[in-house]
Amino acid sequence: MLPAVHHLTRIDPAAHPAAGVLAEALTRDDRLSTSAGWRGFVDDETVRAAVTALVTATTPPAVPRTRP
């Protein structure tokens, strides 16, 4: 999963639909890694950091509101 998330981050605008699905996965308490033991925790945190970077990269910047 980690290589896929890295590739999605590289194709920034086209990754927007996938980023939405992955952002939803971050809200769950499930592990995002299939590894077992201590490696599972390390892998999960690495995947979560990569997904967070993807979501950040594909989120358009906020447009400042101007007062009339």
N, C-alpha and C. Protein backbone atom coordinates (compact mmCIF):
# COMPACT_ATOMS: atom_id res chain seq x y z
N MET A 1 0.81 -1.19 0.00
CA MET A 1 0.00 0.00 0.00
C MET A 1 0.86 1.26 0.00
N LEU A 2 1.96 1.23 0.70
CA LEU A 2 2.80 2.41 0.79
C LEU A 2 3.31 2.89 -0.57
N PRO A 3 3.83 2.01 -1.43
CA PRO A 3 4.25 2.49 -2.75
C PRO A 3 3.10 3.13 -3.54
N ALA A 4 1.91 2.58 -3.42
CA ALA A 4 0.75 3.15 -4.13
C ALA A 4 0.45 4.56 -3.64
N VAL A 5 0.52 4.77 -2.33
CA VAL A 5 0.25 6.10 -1.78
C VAL A 5 1.32 7.08 -2.25
N HIS A 6 2.57 6.65 -2.30
CA HIS A 6 3.65 7.53 -2.79
C HIS A 6 3.42 7.90 -4.25
N HIS A 7 2.99 6.95 -5.06
CA HIS A 7 2.73 7.24 -6.48
C HIS A 7 1.54 8.18 -6.63
N LEU A 8 0.52 8.00 -5.82
CA LEU A 8 -0.62 8.91 -5.86
C LEU A 8 -0.21 10.33 -5.51
N THR A 9 0.69 10.47 -4.56
CA THR A 9 1.16 11.80 -4.18
C THR A 9 1.87 12.47 -5.34
N ARG A 10 2.58 11.70 -6.14
CA ARG A 10 3.30 12.26 -7.29
C ARG A 10 2.37 12.75 -8.40
N ILE A 11 1.20 12.11 -8.55
CA ILE A 11 0.29 12.52 -9.62
C ILE A 11 -0.77 13.49 -9.09
N ASP A 12 -0.43 14.21 -8.10
CA ASP A 12 -1.23 15.16 -7.33
C ASP A 12 -2.67 15.40 -7.79
N PRO A 13 -2.97 16.13 -8.86
CA PRO A 13 -4.37 16.46 -9.14
C PRO A 13 -5.24 15.23 -9.46
N ALA A 14 -4.69 14.29 -10.16
CA ALA A 14 -5.46 13.10 -10.53
C ALA A 14 -5.73 12.20 -9.33
N ALA A 15 -5.02 12.39 -8.25
CA ALA A 15 -5.16 11.55 -7.07
C ALA A 15 -6.27 12.02 -6.14
N HIS A 16 -6.91 13.13 -6.47
CA HIS A 16 -7.90 13.71 -5.57
C HIS A 16 -9.01 12.71 -5.17
N PRO A 17 -9.62 11.94 -6.10
CA PRO A 17 -10.65 10.99 -5.66
C PRO A 17 -10.12 9.92 -4.69
N ALA A 18 -8.94 9.43 -4.97
CA ALA A 18 -8.36 8.40 -4.09
C ALA A 18 -8.01 9.01 -2.73
N ALA A 19 -7.58 10.25 -2.73
CA ALA A 19 -7.22 10.90 -1.47
C ALA A 19 -8.43 11.00 -0.55
N GLY A 20 -9.60 11.24 -1.12
CA GLY A 20 -10.81 11.31 -0.31
C GLY A 20 -11.12 9.98 0.37
N VAL A 21 -10.97 8.90 -0.36
CA VAL A 21 -11.21 7.56 0.20
C VAL A 21 -10.19 7.25 1.28
N LEU A 22 -8.93 7.57 1.01
CA LEU A 22 -7.88 7.28 1.98
C LEU A 22 -8.01 8.16 3.22
N ALA A 23 -8.48 9.40 3.04
CA ALA A 23 -8.69 10.28 4.20
C ALA A 23 -9.74 9.69 5.12
N GLU A 24 -10.76 9.06 4.53
CA GLU A 24 -11.79 8.40 5.35
C GLU A 24 -11.19 7.22 6.12
N ALA A 25 -10.25 6.52 5.50
CA ALA A 25 -9.60 5.39 6.17
C ALA A 25 -8.82 5.86 7.40
N LEU A 26 -8.31 7.09 7.37
CA LEU A 26 -7.58 7.61 8.53
C LEU A 26 -8.46 7.78 9.75
N THR A 27 -9.75 7.95 9.53
CA THR A 27 -10.64 8.18 10.67
C THR A 27 -11.01 6.89 11.40
N ARG A 28 -10.71 5.77 10.79
CA ARG A 28 -11.04 4.48 11.40
C ARG A 28 -9.93 4.03 12.33
N ASP A 29 -10.30 3.17 13.25
CA ASP A 29 -9.33 2.65 14.22
C ASP A 29 -8.64 1.39 13.70
N ASP A 30 -8.90 1.01 12.45
CA ASP A 30 -8.30 -0.19 11.87
C ASP A 30 -6.85 0.08 11.47
N ARG A 31 -6.08 -0.98 11.45
CA ARG A 31 -4.70 -0.88 10.96
C ARG A 31 -4.71 -0.80 9.45
N LEU A 32 -3.83 0.00 8.89
CA LEU A 32 -3.71 0.14 7.44
C LEU A 32 -2.60 -0.74 6.89
N SER A 33 -2.00 -1.51 7.76
CA SER A 33 -0.91 -2.40 7.37
C SER A 33 -1.32 -3.84 7.63
N THR A 34 -0.77 -4.74 6.82
CA THR A 34 -1.09 -6.16 7.02
C THR A 34 0.01 -6.88 7.78
N SER A 35 1.06 -6.17 8.14
CA SER A 35 2.16 -6.80 8.88
C SER A 35 1.71 -7.15 10.30
N ALA A 36 2.35 -8.13 10.88
CA ALA A 36 2.03 -8.55 12.23
C ALA A 36 3.13 -8.12 13.20
N GLY A 37 2.84 -8.19 14.46
CA GLY A 37 3.83 -7.88 15.48
C GLY A 37 4.19 -6.40 15.52
N TRP A 38 5.36 -6.11 16.03
CA TRP A 38 5.78 -4.72 16.17
C TRP A 38 5.91 -4.05 14.82
N ARG A 39 6.24 -4.81 13.78
CA ARG A 39 6.39 -4.25 12.44
C ARG A 39 5.05 -3.66 11.95
N GLY A 40 3.96 -4.27 12.35
CA GLY A 40 2.64 -3.78 11.96
C GLY A 40 2.38 -2.37 12.46
N PHE A 41 2.83 -2.09 13.69
CA PHE A 41 2.65 -0.74 14.24
C PHE A 41 3.50 0.27 13.48
N VAL A 42 4.74 -0.09 13.22
CA VAL A 42 5.65 0.81 12.50
C VAL A 42 5.13 1.06 11.08
N ASP A 43 4.74 -0.02 10.39
CA ASP A 43 4.22 0.12 9.03
C ASP A 43 2.94 0.95 9.01
N ASP A 44 2.07 0.73 9.97
CA ASP A 44 0.82 1.48 10.03
C ASP A 44 1.09 2.98 10.18
N GLU A 45 1.99 3.34 11.06
CA GLU A 45 2.31 4.75 11.26
C GLU A 45 2.94 5.35 10.00
N THR A 46 3.75 4.58 9.30
CA THR A 46 4.37 5.06 8.06
C THR A 46 3.31 5.28 6.98
N VAL A 47 2.39 4.34 6.85
CA VAL A 47 1.31 4.48 5.85
C VAL A 47 0.41 5.65 6.22
N ARG A 48 0.09 5.80 7.49
CA ARG A 48 -0.76 6.93 7.91
C ARG A 48 -0.09 8.26 7.63
N ALA A 49 1.20 8.36 7.83
CA ALA A 49 1.93 9.60 7.53
C ALA A 49 1.91 9.88 6.02
N ALA A 50 2.07 8.84 5.21
CA ALA A 50 2.05 9.01 3.76
C ALA A 50 0.66 9.42 3.28
N VAL A 51 -0.38 8.83 3.85
CA VAL A 51 -1.75 9.20 3.47
C VAL A 51 -2.04 10.64 3.88
N THR A 52 -1.58 11.04 5.05
CA THR A 52 -1.76 12.41 5.50
C THR A 52 -1.07 13.38 4.54
N ALA A 53 0.13 13.03 4.09
CA ALA A 53 0.85 13.87 3.12
C ALA A 53 0.08 13.95 1.80
N LEU A 54 -0.50 12.83 1.37
CA LEU A 54 -1.29 12.80 0.14
C LEU A 54 -2.51 13.70 0.27
N VAL A 55 -3.23 13.57 1.36
CA VAL A 55 -4.43 14.38 1.56
C VAL A 55 -4.06 15.86 1.61
N THR A 56 -2.98 16.19 2.27
CA THR A 56 -2.53 17.58 2.33
C THR A 56 -2.15 18.10 0.95
N ALA A 57 -1.47 17.28 0.17
CA ALA A 57 -1.03 17.70 -1.17
C ALA A 57 -2.19 17.88 -2.14
N THR A 58 -3.27 17.14 -1.95
CA THR A 58 -4.38 17.22 -2.89
C THR A 58 -5.51 18.13 -2.43
N THR A 59 -5.37 18.71 -1.24
CA THR A 59 -6.38 19.64 -0.75
C THR A 59 -6.06 21.03 -1.28
N PRO A 60 -7.00 21.63 -2.00
CA PRO A 60 -6.73 22.97 -2.52
C PRO A 60 -6.59 23.97 -1.38
N PRO A 61 -5.75 24.97 -1.57
CA PRO A 61 -5.57 25.97 -0.51
C PRO A 61 -6.86 26.77 -0.31
N ALA A 62 -7.06 27.18 0.89
CA ALA A 62 -8.25 27.97 1.22
C ALA A 62 -8.14 29.35 0.56
N VAL A 63 -9.23 29.79 0.01
CA VAL A 63 -9.26 31.11 -0.62
C VAL A 63 -9.66 32.11 0.46
N PRO A 64 -8.80 33.11 0.68
CA PRO A 64 -9.14 34.08 1.71
C PRO A 64 -10.39 34.88 1.31
N ARG A 65 -11.25 35.08 2.25
CA ARG A 65 -12.45 35.84 2.00
C ARG A 65 -12.14 37.33 2.14
N THR A 66 -12.61 38.08 1.20
CA THR A 66 -12.41 39.53 1.26
C THR A 66 -13.70 40.19 1.69
N ARG A 67 -13.55 41.25 2.38
CA ARG A 67 -14.73 41.98 2.84
C ARG A 67 -15.17 42.96 1.76
N PRO A 68 -16.46 43.09 1.57
CA PRO A 68 -16.94 44.02 0.53
C PRO A 68 -16.72 45.46 0.88
